[in-house]
C-alpha atoms as a PDB file:
ATOM      1  CA  MET A   1      15.530 -14.187   9.757  1.00  0.00           C
ATOM      2  CA  GLY A   2      13.743 -10.908   9.399  1.00  0.00           C
ATOM      3  CA  ILE A   3      10.285  -9.935   8.292  1.00  0.00           C
ATOM      4  CA  GLY A   4      11.295  -9.849   4.620  1.00  0.00           C
ATOM      5  CA  PHE A   5      12.205 -13.531   4.695  1.00  0.00           C
ATOM      6  CA  LYS A   6       8.805 -14.445   6.144  1.00  0.00           C
ATOM      7  CA  LEU A   7       6.986 -12.435   3.467  1.00  0.00           C
ATOM      8  CA  LEU A   8       9.056 -14.063   0.750  1.00  0.00           C
ATOM      9  CA  ASN A   9       8.350 -17.483   2.193  1.00  0.00           C
ATOM     10  CA  ARG A  10       4.605 -16.721   2.453  1.00  0.00           C
ATOM     11  CA  ALA A  11       4.555 -15.518  -1.156  1.00  0.00           C
ATOM     12  CA  ASN A  12       6.276 -18.703  -2.265  1.00  0.00           C
ATOM     13  CA  ARG A  13       3.695 -20.816  -0.445  1.00  0.00           C
ATOM     14  CA  ALA A  14       0.844 -18.819  -1.981  1.00  0.00           C
ATOM     15  CA  GLN A  15       2.310 -19.263  -5.455  1.00  0.00           C
ATOM     16  CA  LEU A  16       2.682 -22.994  -4.831  1.00  0.00           C
ATOM     17  CA  LEU A  17      -0.973 -23.271  -3.731  1.00  0.00           C
ATOM     18  CA  LEU A  18      -2.087 -21.466  -6.883  1.00  0.00           C
ATOM     19  CA  ILE A  19      -0.035 -23.773  -9.095  1.00  0.00           C
ATOM     20  CA  ILE A  20      -1.263 -26.926  -7.329  1.00  0.00           C
ATOM     21  CA  GLY A  21      -4.896 -25.776  -7.474  1.00  0.00           C
ATOM     22  CA  THR A  22      -4.674 -24.969 -11.168  1.00  0.00           C
ATOM     23  CA  GLY A  23      -2.937 -28.271 -11.865  1.00  0.00           C
ATOM     24  CA  ILE A  24      -5.574 -30.286 -10.016  1.00  0.00           C
ATOM     25  CA  PHE A  25      -8.296 -28.490 -11.951  1.00  0.00           C
ATOM     26  CA  ALA A  26      -6.623 -29.207 -15.305  1.00  0.00           C
ATOM     27  CA  VAL A  27      -5.992 -32.868 -14.466  1.00  0.00           C
ATOM     28  CA  GLY A  28      -9.577 -33.307 -13.285  1.00  0.00           C
ATOM     29  CA  ALA A  29     -10.989 -31.741 -16.441  1.00  0.00           C
ATOM     30  CA  LEU A  30      -8.779 -33.854 -18.699  1.00  0.00           C
ATOM     31  CA  GLY A  31      -9.571 -36.993 -16.719  1.00  0.00           C
ATOM     32  CA  PHE A  32     -13.304 -36.361 -17.001  1.00  0.00           C
ATOM     33  CA  ILE A  33     -13.121 -35.639 -20.742  1.00  0.00           C
ATOM     34  CA  ALA A  34     -11.023 -38.758 -21.348  1.00  0.00           C
ATOM     35  CA  GLY A  35     -13.450 -40.858 -19.307  1.00  0.00           C
ATOM     36  CA  TYR A  36     -11.055 -41.848 -16.526  1.00  0.00           C
ATOM     37  CA  LEU A  37     -12.927 -40.017 -13.749  1.00  0.00           C
ATOM     38  CA  SER A  38     -16.552 -40.231 -12.725  1.00  0.00           C
ATOM     39  CA  GLN A  39     -18.687 -37.166 -12.141  1.00  0.00           C
ATOM     40  CA  GLY A  40     -18.354 -37.547  -8.365  1.00  0.00           C
ATOM     41  CA  GLN A  41     -14.580 -37.663  -8.513  1.00  0.00           C
ATOM     42  CA  THR A  42     -14.503 -34.667 -10.833  1.00  0.00           C
ATOM     43  CA  SER A  43     -16.653 -32.550  -8.524  1.00  0.00           C
ATOM     44  CA  MET A  44     -14.449 -33.463  -5.560  1.00  0.00           C
ATOM     45  CA  LEU A  45     -11.300 -32.485  -7.475  1.00  0.00           C
ATOM     46  CA  GLY A  46     -12.991 -29.245  -8.555  1.00  0.00           C
ATOM     47  CA  ALA A  47     -13.833 -28.385  -4.956  1.00  0.00           C
ATOM     48  CA  VAL A  48     -10.288 -29.075  -3.755  1.00  0.00           C
ATOM     49  CA  SER A  49      -8.780 -27.032  -6.573  1.00  0.00           C
ATOM     50  CA  LEU A  50     -11.158 -24.149  -5.870  1.00  0.00           C
ATOM     51  CA  ILE A  51     -10.196 -24.162  -2.179  1.00  0.00           C
ATOM     52  CA  LEU A  52      -6.454 -24.244  -2.927  1.00  0.00           C
ATOM     53  CA  THR A  53      -6.694 -21.533  -5.568  1.00  0.00           C
ATOM     54  CA  GLY A  54      -8.814 -19.326  -3.279  1.00  0.00           C
ATOM     55  CA  VAL A  55      -6.415 -19.677  -0.366  1.00  0.00           C
ATOM     56  CA  GLY A  56      -3.400 -19.028  -2.576  1.00  0.00           C
ATOM     57  CA  SER A  57      -4.889 -15.919  -4.146  1.00  0.00           C
ATOM     58  CA  SER A  58      -6.042 -14.509  -0.804  1.00  0.00           C
ATOM     59  CA  VAL A  59      -2.577 -14.962   0.700  1.00  0.00           C
ATOM     60  CA  LYS A  60      -0.999 -13.253  -2.319  1.00  0.00           C
ATOM     61  CA  ARG A  61      -3.525 -10.407  -2.060  1.00  0.00           C
ATOM     62  CA  MET A  62      -2.675  -9.887   1.632  1.00  0.00           C
ATOM     63  CA  LYS A  63       0.993  -9.514   0.693  1.00  0.00           C
ATOM     64  CA  TYR A  64       0.371  -6.679  -1.737  1.00  0.00           C
ATOM     65  CA  GLN A  65      -1.934  -4.626   0.521  1.00  0.00           C
END
């Protein structure tokens, strides 16, 4: 397992974090609009999605530099 495999694996994990973060954000927004989530739950989901999206994008950026 060479260096290329590790970079590919890291890129896959970064892409997965971006997808999960975006999905959590969308579900939280829809849940708040529909009235299923309170404002506290929505802000917590927003914070988690922001963290996941930030980590995923920073890992992807490191790959391309």
